[in-house]
């Protein structure tokens, strides 16, 4: 969603001029998506368009690490991708820096708007979801030989589910805002599922899953589709690219995109896992990323469950702490988000055998096609 704010937003226009844009800023509008950063569409008097982003330093205090990761991955892809980039490329400032520091605690970056592209907030068809899977799977495959250990953690222990539970318990114990009493049911739901939610991290610690360079925020609005063909073009918003598990990327996409309701839906009767969308994404991801090991494939469904539970406890933790991390638009917004995640996880439990069967079927189909 775009909101025109050209009038009265001179600071953003001035910041855009710190980059080598073509022409003078003619209009500037905010793109309302995501919970963390602020994003603006900049159009110049010559018709050139750019995306300007403000990076939230509360969430990402080490902006240098983010941009170093992006630079390393961009260089790798330019060398190994045969001319097809799997991700968006950012522009340096006029003085050669990879982001602009406004001196007031704000960090800004800019990239060229991709023409004839669309950014969906929700998949409109199973085919759209399939294409987003090909985008994220293609990104993973393009980086299959990238040394993930070179990447810096932009958010420490981001998908360390046991550590998320540790922080959750601290928030319960502190109850700084006096909200614990109203969410005891949600707290019990989360604690009862701790062992199941943390299985992926245990496999990682045991060395049974390879560490990959992963995107870690694989919502459909972080992949651009061709406006005419609806085919995947590239992934965007790379703040959370760091060492991780392929199942995390798969799982986050499922928990967001295969749900039948919005992430903050208040009518929980609308929240279910769409198995047709689950199959479409599984197929696209496995087709685009044939480098996954057998073990990685076997835990894809677990990745969907783990990410759904992890996001649920993150929303609930933030609610208990006073809504410090995720931006909210209404009272109890984070509690609503938490409840949708827990309802979705509950539906996954009911459909678990079907989920695992779909992964197995699609894996066999992809392997058979590769042998032809």
Foldseek 3Di string as FASTA:
>chain_A
DKAWDFPPPVVVQVQVLQAPDDAHFDTKIWDDDDFFKTWIWTAHPVGWIKIKIKGHCVQQVPVVLLQVQLVLLVVLCVVQVVPADLAFDWGATPVGHQWDDPVPSIIMTMGGDDPQKDFDQADPDLLLLLQLLLSQLLSQQSQVPPPQVVHDQSGPPPLQLVVLVVLLVVLLVCLVVVCCVVCVVLVVLLVVCSVLLRVVVVCVVVVVFDKTQHQQQSARSQWMARNPPSHTRHGYDRSRGHIDGPLLNLQNHQLQHQWQDHLLDQPLVRTEGNVSSLLSSLLSSCLNNVPGDPVSLQCNLSSNLNNLSSLLSVLVSCVSVPNPHTDDDDPCSSVSSSVSSSSHSVNCVVCVVVSSVSSVVSNVVSVVVVVD
